[in-house]
Amino acid sequence: MESAGRATGLSAAALVAVACNAFVALLLLLLCLIVYRACRVPSSPERLPVLAPSEAESQQVNEHKYLLTS
């Protein structure tokens, strides 16, 4: 039969697997929390994106393109 020391205990590999699974579960919980908080932030369609050029800048770029191509 099994030895008396290992009859009730888990092997080292099983303990490592349990610890890794617990760590992955914690990371998944953290990811779900981040996604939940990100989805709660209201979006405002009136505001322009930060990286979008303004009307004056786009007109100035178009003028430069025209000057370069002519």
C-alpha atoms as a PDB file:
ATOM      1  CA  MET A   1       0.000   0.000   0.000  1.00  0.00           C
ATOM      2  CA  GLU A   2       0.984   3.681   0.109  1.00  0.00           C
ATOM      3  CA  SER A   3       3.472   5.004   2.611  1.00  0.00           C
ATOM      4  CA  ALA A   4       2.116   6.708   5.709  1.00  0.00           C
ATOM      5  CA  GLY A   5       3.671  10.106   4.860  1.00  0.00           C
ATOM      6  CA  ARG A   6       2.006  10.467   1.434  1.00  0.00           C
ATOM      7  CA  ALA A   7      -1.360   8.902   2.223  1.00  0.00           C
ATOM      8  CA  THR A   8      -3.093  12.221   2.912  1.00  0.00           C
ATOM      9  CA  GLY A   9      -0.749  14.758   1.290  1.00  0.00           C
ATOM     10  CA  LEU A  10      -0.499  16.040  -2.256  1.00  0.00           C
ATOM     11  CA  SER A  11       2.574  15.685  -4.395  1.00  0.00           C
ATOM     12  CA  ALA A  12       4.786  18.668  -5.120  1.00  0.00           C
ATOM     13  CA  ALA A  13       3.608  18.796  -8.738  1.00  0.00           C
ATOM     14  CA  ALA A  14      -0.018  18.881  -7.619  1.00  0.00           C
ATOM     15  CA  LEU A  15       0.704  21.733  -5.215  1.00  0.00           C
ATOM     16  CA  VAL A  16       2.475  23.693  -7.963  1.00  0.00           C
ATOM     17  CA  ALA A  17      -0.489  23.113 -10.293  1.00  0.00           C
ATOM     18  CA  VAL A  18      -2.944  24.338  -7.655  1.00  0.00           C
ATOM     19  CA  ALA A  19      -0.841  27.446  -7.016  1.00  0.00           C
ATOM     20  CA  CYS A  20      -0.564  28.229 -10.732  1.00  0.00           C
ATOM     21  CA  ASN A  21      -4.293  27.776 -11.237  1.00  0.00           C
ATOM     22  CA  ALA A  22      -5.030  30.065  -8.314  1.00  0.00           C
ATOM     23  CA  PHE A  23      -2.699  32.705  -9.783  1.00  0.00           C
ATOM     24  CA  VAL A  24      -4.381  32.457 -13.206  1.00  0.00           C
ATOM     25  CA  ALA A  25      -7.805  32.751 -11.558  1.00  0.00           C
ATOM     26  CA  LEU A  26      -6.635  35.904  -9.760  1.00  0.00           C
ATOM     27  CA  LEU A  27      -5.380  37.390 -13.042  1.00  0.00           C
ATOM     28  CA  LEU A  28      -8.692  36.604 -14.750  1.00  0.00           C
ATOM     29  CA  LEU A  29     -10.591  38.257 -11.922  1.00  0.00           C
ATOM     30  CA  LEU A  30      -8.399  41.334 -12.225  1.00  0.00           C
ATOM     31  CA  LEU A  31      -8.945  41.424 -15.997  1.00  0.00           C
ATOM     32  CA  CYS A  32     -12.724  41.202 -15.560  1.00  0.00           C
ATOM     33  CA  LEU A  33     -12.607  44.038 -13.033  1.00  0.00           C
ATOM     34  CA  ILE A  34     -10.598  46.237 -15.419  1.00  0.00           C
ATOM     35  CA  VAL A  35     -12.975  45.534 -18.315  1.00  0.00           C
ATOM     36  CA  TYR A  36     -16.004  46.209 -16.104  1.00  0.00           C
ATOM     37  CA  ARG A  37     -14.611  49.550 -14.955  1.00  0.00           C
ATOM     38  CA  ALA A  38     -13.636  50.503 -18.510  1.00  0.00           C
ATOM     39  CA  CYS A  39     -17.139  49.778 -19.786  1.00  0.00           C
ATOM     40  CA  ARG A  40     -18.705  51.951 -17.088  1.00  0.00           C
ATOM     41  CA  VAL A  41     -16.954  55.090 -18.372  1.00  0.00           C
ATOM     42  CA  PRO A  42     -19.485  57.045 -20.436  1.00  0.00           C
ATOM     43  CA  SER A  43     -18.438  57.931 -23.935  1.00  0.00           C
ATOM     44  CA  SER A  44     -19.136  61.376 -25.298  1.00  0.00           C
ATOM     45  CA  PRO A  45     -19.578  61.386 -29.079  1.00  0.00           C
ATOM     46  CA  GLU A  46     -19.541  65.198 -29.162  1.00  0.00           C
ATOM     47  CA  ARG A  47     -15.833  65.296 -28.394  1.00  0.00           C
ATOM     48  CA  LEU A  48     -13.357  64.763 -31.170  1.00  0.00           C
ATOM     49  CA  PRO A  49     -10.700  62.113 -30.747  1.00  0.00           C
ATOM     50  CA  VAL A  50      -7.444  63.479 -29.422  1.00  0.00           C
ATOM     51  CA  LEU A  51      -5.468  62.401 -32.460  1.00  0.00           C
ATOM     52  CA  ALA A  52      -7.940  63.751 -35.041  1.00  0.00           C
ATOM     53  CA  PRO A  53      -6.663  66.869 -36.809  1.00  0.00           C
ATOM     54  CA  SER A  54      -8.751  69.995 -36.514  1.00  0.00           C
ATOM     55  CA  GLU A  55     -10.380  71.622 -39.539  1.00  0.00           C
ATOM     56  CA  ALA A  56      -7.718  74.347 -39.755  1.00  0.00           C
ATOM     57  CA  GLU A  57      -4.886  71.837 -39.572  1.00  0.00           C
ATOM     58  CA  SER A  58      -6.394  69.631 -42.286  1.00  0.00           C
ATOM     59  CA  GLN A  59      -6.914  72.668 -44.544  1.00  0.00           C
ATOM     60  CA  GLN A  60      -3.308  73.736 -43.958  1.00  0.00           C
ATOM     61  CA  VAL A  61      -2.075  70.213 -44.793  1.00  0.00           C
ATOM     62  CA  ASN A  62      -4.152  70.231 -47.982  1.00  0.00           C
ATOM     63  CA  GLU A  63      -2.611  73.573 -48.980  1.00  0.00           C
ATOM     64  CA  HIS A  64       0.883  72.189 -48.394  1.00  0.00           C
ATOM     65  CA  LYS A  65       0.083  69.145 -50.497  1.00  0.00           C
ATOM     66  CA  TYR A  66      -1.156  71.384 -53.272  1.00  0.00           C
ATOM     67  CA  LEU A  67       1.964  73.501 -53.126  1.00  0.00           C
ATOM     68  CA  LEU A  68       4.218  70.464 -53.188  1.00  0.00           C
ATOM     69  CA  THR A  69       2.490  68.850 -56.158  1.00  0.00           C
ATOM     70  CA  SER A  70       2.217  71.940 -58.370  1.00  0.00           C
END
